[in-house]
Protein backbone atom coordinates (compact mmCIF):
# COMPACT_ATOMS: atom_id res chain seq x y z
CA MET A 1 -65.47 11.46 -28.85
CA PHE A 2 -65.94 9.49 -25.67
CA ARG A 3 -67.99 10.53 -22.58
CA LYS A 4 -67.19 9.02 -19.03
CA PHE A 5 -69.88 9.65 -16.27
CA TYR A 6 -68.73 9.77 -12.52
CA GLU A 7 -71.22 9.65 -9.92
CA GLN A 8 -70.91 8.12 -6.62
CA SER A 9 -67.89 6.05 -7.07
CA LYS A 10 -69.75 4.47 -10.31
CA GLU A 11 -68.36 4.94 -13.72
CA THR A 12 -69.74 4.48 -16.96
CA GLU A 13 -68.23 4.69 -20.35
CA TYR A 14 -69.51 4.82 -23.55
CA GLU A 15 -68.27 5.80 -27.30
CA VAL A 16 -70.07 8.42 -28.78
CA GLU A 17 -68.40 8.99 -31.79
CA GLN A 18 -65.23 8.63 -34.19
CA PRO A 19 -62.16 10.85 -33.80
CA VAL A 20 -63.11 14.28 -35.40
CA SER A 21 -60.79 16.72 -37.26
CA SER A 22 -59.38 19.48 -34.99
CA ASN A 23 -61.47 22.23 -36.84
CA GLU A 24 -64.49 20.63 -35.13
CA ILE A 25 -63.15 20.45 -31.66
CA SER A 26 -64.23 23.67 -30.42
CA LYS A 27 -67.58 23.19 -31.42
CA LEU A 28 -67.86 20.01 -29.90
CA ALA A 29 -66.12 21.55 -26.44
CA LEU A 30 -69.14 23.92 -26.48
CA LYS A 31 -71.77 21.25 -27.38
CA VAL A 32 -71.01 19.13 -24.36
CA LEU A 33 -70.98 22.22 -22.28
CA ASN A 34 -73.55 21.29 -19.09
CA GLU A 35 -75.17 24.44 -17.84
CA ARG A 36 -75.26 22.90 -14.47
CA ALA A 37 -71.57 22.88 -14.19
CA GLU A 38 -70.05 24.99 -11.69
CA VAL A 39 -66.43 24.04 -12.57
CA VAL A 40 -64.93 22.99 -16.06
CA ASP A 41 -61.60 22.02 -17.09
CA VAL A 42 -60.56 21.54 -20.34
CA TYR A 43 -57.00 20.44 -21.09
CA LEU A 44 -54.90 18.46 -24.00
CA GLU A 45 -53.60 14.69 -23.38
CA ILE A 46 -52.38 11.94 -25.55
CA VAL A 47 -54.74 9.08 -25.17
CA GLU A 48 -54.66 5.52 -26.13
CA VAL A 49 -57.49 3.49 -26.78
CA GLN A 50 -57.17 -0.20 -26.20
CA ASP A 51 -59.74 -1.47 -28.44
CA LYS A 52 -58.22 0.38 -31.44
CA GLY A 53 -54.33 0.17 -30.40
CA LYS A 54 -54.01 3.81 -31.34
CA GLU A 55 -53.28 7.16 -29.78
CA TYR A 56 -55.06 10.14 -30.28
CA SER A 57 -54.67 14.09 -29.09
CA THR A 58 -57.59 14.12 -26.81
CA VAL A 59 -59.26 17.79 -25.61
CA VAL A 60 -60.86 16.52 -22.02
CA VAL A 61 -63.90 18.75 -21.22
CA ASP A 62 -64.05 17.67 -17.22
CA GLN A 63 -67.18 18.92 -15.79
CA TYR A 64 -68.03 19.29 -12.18
CA LEU A 65 -71.71 19.47 -11.71
CA ASP A 66 -73.71 21.39 -9.09
CA ASP A 67 -75.21 17.98 -7.48
CA GLY A 68 -71.63 16.70 -6.99
CA SER A 69 -71.50 14.47 -9.95
CA ASN A 70 -68.78 14.66 -12.44
CA LEU A 71 -68.89 14.21 -16.52
CA VAL A 72 -65.73 13.79 -18.59
CA TYR A 73 -65.81 14.09 -22.31
CA LEU A 74 -63.13 13.14 -24.06
CA ILE A 75 -62.81 14.30 -27.74
CA TYR A 76 -60.59 12.88 -29.97
CA SER A 77 -58.53 14.16 -32.70
CA SER A 78 -58.23 12.49 -35.96
CA GLU A 79 -54.87 14.22 -36.49
CA TYR A 80 -51.90 15.03 -33.89
CA ILE A 81 -52.83 18.64 -31.92
CA ASP A 82 -49.09 20.51 -31.57
CA GLU A 83 -48.59 23.43 -29.17
CA MET A 84 -49.66 25.88 -31.76
CA LYS A 85 -52.51 24.12 -33.01
CA TRP A 86 -53.76 23.44 -29.23
CA SER A 87 -53.05 27.36 -27.96
CA ILE A 88 -55.53 28.34 -30.90
CA LEU A 89 -58.23 25.58 -30.09
CA LYS A 90 -57.90 26.74 -26.44
CA ASP A 91 -58.52 30.57 -27.41
CA GLU A 92 -61.68 29.40 -29.37
CA ILE A 93 -63.24 27.22 -26.57
CA LYS A 94 -62.22 30.19 -23.83
CA LYS A 95 -64.29 32.94 -26.16
CA SER A 96 -67.28 30.64 -26.31
CA TYR A 97 -67.03 29.75 -22.77
CA MET A 98 -66.60 33.11 -21.11
CA LYS A 99 -70.08 34.02 -22.01
CA LYS A 100 -70.88 31.83 -19.10
CA TYR A 101 -67.89 31.16 -17.17
CA ASN A 102 -64.74 32.98 -15.70
CA VAL A 103 -61.45 31.97 -16.08
CA CYS A 104 -60.37 30.52 -12.67
CA ASP A 105 -56.57 29.54 -13.78
CA GLU A 106 -55.07 28.78 -17.11
CA ASP A 107 -51.35 27.51 -18.28
CA ILE A 108 -49.90 26.30 -21.48
CA PHE A 109 -51.63 22.98 -21.27
CA TYR A 110 -55.02 23.69 -19.54
CA ILE A 111 -57.97 26.08 -18.66
CA SER A 112 -59.97 26.02 -15.70
CA PHE A 113 -63.52 27.97 -15.65
CA CYS A 114 -65.72 28.70 -12.93
CA ARG A 115 -69.00 30.71 -12.40
């Protein structure tokens, strides 16, 4: 998992963990949820990690906090996530996030939550 933090045009990056099994992604997506987030976008991307020279299926959890800062978590999967697997993961994430958020927008590739 990789975390980016954006605040006042400053970007800080640091690696937290190695790629995880796709079965762990929905739990991690809930774990990284910040209570101060007003809007949370969750989507699937293929991300190339330059240091490793590899591409990973990556679930991005992009959070817009009430103080104007932006937290972005990149959760790398150790296996390829196809559309069917993503649909399942998205539904799991949706269930857990809907305890605190409403769905504001959704399509095949992403889901957006807001208060």
